[in-house]
Amino acid sequence: MTPRPFDILIAEDNEDDILLIREAFETVHMTNRVAVVRDGVEALAYLRGEGRFKESPLPGMVLLDINMPKKTGLEVLAEIKSDLRLRALPVIILTVSERDEDILRSYEQGACSYIRKPVTFTRFIAIVKEFELYWTLVSKVPPLKR
């Protein structure tokens, strides 16, 4: 049985990182649809289907940066995990932070993984390949509805 691709929401404010993520996904031929929001408030509006995101599908996973404007990634994570409709949504922290406090808080608040952004495109491609294998062939993403 071929795994069904799921939608991915990327919450990232850095345009260079967004471009890097998209290029890496294209390079490894990921078939997942990707949506991008650029701050924490937008991320929550997207996930709750509010405002201009009313018709947006609920993603199967969120890639969440910690350092974002309006609401930090950790604040967004806390709100996702306190919302009964969103709590089972897999959230992966994808950030430059290596601070032990950020890693600990992310897992305490319900992140399912913490990935430090690599510096080189080649290293990031390797991480995306591993990510795709794990999330499409090994792990199962829960079917969620708004």
Protein backbone atom coordinates (compact mmCIF):
# COMPACT_ATOMS: atom_id res chain seq x y z
CA MET A 1 0.00 0.00 0.00
CA THR A 2 1.38 3.40 -1.01
CA PRO A 3 1.34 5.99 1.79
CA ARG A 4 -1.08 8.86 1.22
CA PRO A 5 0.62 12.24 1.20
CA PHE A 6 -0.60 14.68 3.81
CA ASP A 7 -0.59 18.46 3.84
CA ILE A 8 2.21 20.21 5.72
CA LEU A 9 1.96 23.67 7.27
CA ILE A 10 5.27 25.51 7.53
CA ALA A 11 5.27 28.31 10.10
CA GLU A 12 8.42 30.28 9.29
CA ASP A 13 9.14 34.00 8.97
CA ASN A 14 12.54 33.80 7.26
CA GLU A 15 12.14 33.92 3.46
CA ASP A 16 15.53 32.24 2.88
CA ASP A 17 14.52 29.32 5.13
CA ILE A 18 11.14 29.02 3.38
CA LEU A 19 12.91 28.85 0.03
CA LEU A 20 15.39 26.29 1.38
CA ILE A 21 12.60 24.08 2.73
CA ARG A 22 10.62 24.25 -0.53
CA GLU A 23 13.72 23.50 -2.64
CA ALA A 24 14.63 20.57 -0.41
CA PHE A 25 11.10 19.14 -0.67
CA GLU A 26 11.24 19.48 -4.47
CA THR A 27 14.71 17.94 -4.65
CA VAL A 28 13.59 14.78 -2.84
CA HIS A 29 10.30 14.76 -4.82
CA MET A 30 8.01 15.00 -1.79
CA THR A 31 4.41 14.94 -2.95
CA ASN A 32 2.97 16.61 0.13
CA ARG A 33 1.10 19.87 -0.42
CA VAL A 34 2.76 22.68 1.52
CA ALA A 35 1.25 25.87 2.91
CA VAL A 36 3.34 28.63 4.50
CA VAL A 37 2.46 31.15 7.19
CA ARG A 38 4.89 33.76 8.41
CA ASP A 39 4.02 34.39 12.05
CA GLY A 40 2.48 32.70 15.06
CA VAL A 41 -0.88 34.46 14.80
CA GLU A 42 -1.23 33.38 11.15
CA ALA A 43 -0.29 29.80 12.09
CA LEU A 44 -3.11 29.57 14.62
CA ALA A 45 -5.62 31.23 12.27
CA TYR A 46 -4.68 28.71 9.56
CA LEU A 47 -5.05 25.73 11.90
CA ARG A 48 -8.38 26.96 13.23
CA GLY A 49 -9.71 27.81 9.75
CA GLU A 50 -10.25 31.46 10.61
CA GLY A 51 -10.49 34.49 8.31
CA ARG A 52 -8.76 34.04 4.96
CA PHE A 53 -7.91 30.44 5.95
CA LYS A 54 -11.55 29.38 6.25
CA GLU A 55 -11.29 27.06 3.22
CA SER A 56 -7.74 25.84 3.93
CA PRO A 57 -7.42 22.13 4.69
CA LEU A 58 -6.21 21.09 8.10
CA PRO A 59 -2.64 19.87 7.62
CA GLY A 60 -1.41 16.48 8.73
CA MET A 61 1.69 18.05 10.25
CA VAL A 62 3.19 21.40 11.26
CA LEU A 63 6.84 22.43 10.86
CA LEU A 64 7.18 25.20 13.40
CA ASP A 65 9.99 27.70 13.90
CA ILE A 66 10.49 28.95 17.47
CA ASN A 67 11.57 32.51 16.63
CA MET A 68 8.58 34.10 14.92
CA PRO A 69 6.85 37.48 15.22
CA LYS A 70 3.52 38.13 16.96
CA LYS A 71 3.57 34.75 18.78
CA THR A 72 6.61 32.57 19.23
CA GLY A 73 6.64 28.98 18.07
CA LEU A 74 6.53 27.81 21.68
CA GLU A 75 3.41 29.93 22.30
CA VAL A 76 1.82 28.47 19.15
CA LEU A 77 2.75 24.95 20.25
CA ALA A 78 1.16 25.49 23.67
CA GLU A 79 -2.08 26.70 22.04
CA ILE A 80 -2.15 23.79 19.58
CA LYS A 81 -1.73 21.25 22.36
CA SER A 82 -4.39 22.91 24.54
CA ASP A 83 -6.98 22.85 21.71
CA LEU A 84 -8.97 19.60 21.75
CA ARG A 85 -9.41 19.66 17.96
CA LEU A 86 -5.70 20.19 17.25
CA ARG A 87 -3.95 18.43 20.11
CA ALA A 88 -3.20 15.21 18.15
CA LEU A 89 -1.60 17.18 15.29
CA PRO A 90 2.09 16.27 14.95
CA VAL A 91 4.24 19.36 15.46
CA ILE A 92 7.91 19.31 14.56
CA ILE A 93 10.07 22.15 15.79
CA LEU A 94 12.45 23.25 13.01
CA THR A 95 14.70 26.00 14.33
CA VAL A 96 18.23 27.35 14.61
CA SER A 97 18.06 27.29 18.41
CA GLU A 98 20.32 24.84 20.22
CA ARG A 99 19.31 26.11 23.65
CA ASP A 100 18.58 23.28 26.07
CA GLU A 101 15.65 25.29 27.47
CA ASP A 102 14.01 25.47 24.02
CA ILE A 103 14.48 21.75 23.43
CA LEU A 104 13.08 20.88 26.86
CA ARG A 105 10.10 23.26 26.58
CA SER A 106 9.28 21.97 23.09
CA TYR A 107 9.03 18.38 24.28
CA GLU A 108 7.26 19.35 27.51
CA GLN A 109 4.63 21.18 25.47
CA GLY A 110 4.03 18.24 23.14
CA ALA A 111 6.36 18.58 20.14
CA CYS A 112 6.97 15.20 18.55
CA SER A 113 10.42 16.14 17.26
CA TYR A 114 13.01 18.89 17.49
CA ILE A 115 15.21 19.46 14.44
CA ARG A 116 17.95 22.05 14.32
CA LYS A 117 18.15 23.77 10.95
CA PRO A 118 21.37 22.73 9.25
CA VAL A 119 23.64 25.27 7.71
CA THR A 120 24.23 23.66 4.31
CA PHE A 121 21.72 22.74 1.64
CA THR A 122 23.31 19.27 1.24
CA ARG A 123 22.83 18.51 4.95
CA PHE A 124 19.26 19.79 4.81
CA ILE A 125 18.49 17.51 1.83
CA ALA A 126 19.73 14.54 3.86
CA ILE A 127 17.49 15.53 6.78
CA VAL A 128 14.45 15.96 4.48
CA LYS A 129 15.04 12.48 2.99
CA GLU A 130 15.13 10.96 6.47
CA PHE A 131 12.09 13.02 7.46
CA GLU A 132 10.13 11.83 4.44
CA LEU A 133 11.00 8.17 5.00
CA TYR A 134 10.04 8.30 8.64
CA TRP A 135 6.80 10.27 8.29
CA THR A 136 5.49 8.52 5.17
CA LEU A 137 6.68 4.94 5.66
CA VAL A 138 7.18 4.38 9.37
CA SER A 139 4.95 6.75 11.33
CA LYS A 140 1.21 7.25 10.87
CA VAL A 141 -0.31 10.72 10.91
CA PRO A 142 -3.77 10.89 12.54
CA PRO A 143 -6.70 11.87 10.31
CA LEU A 144 -7.97 15.13 11.82
CA LYS A 145 -11.00 17.21 10.92
CA ARG A 146 -11.94 20.72 11.90
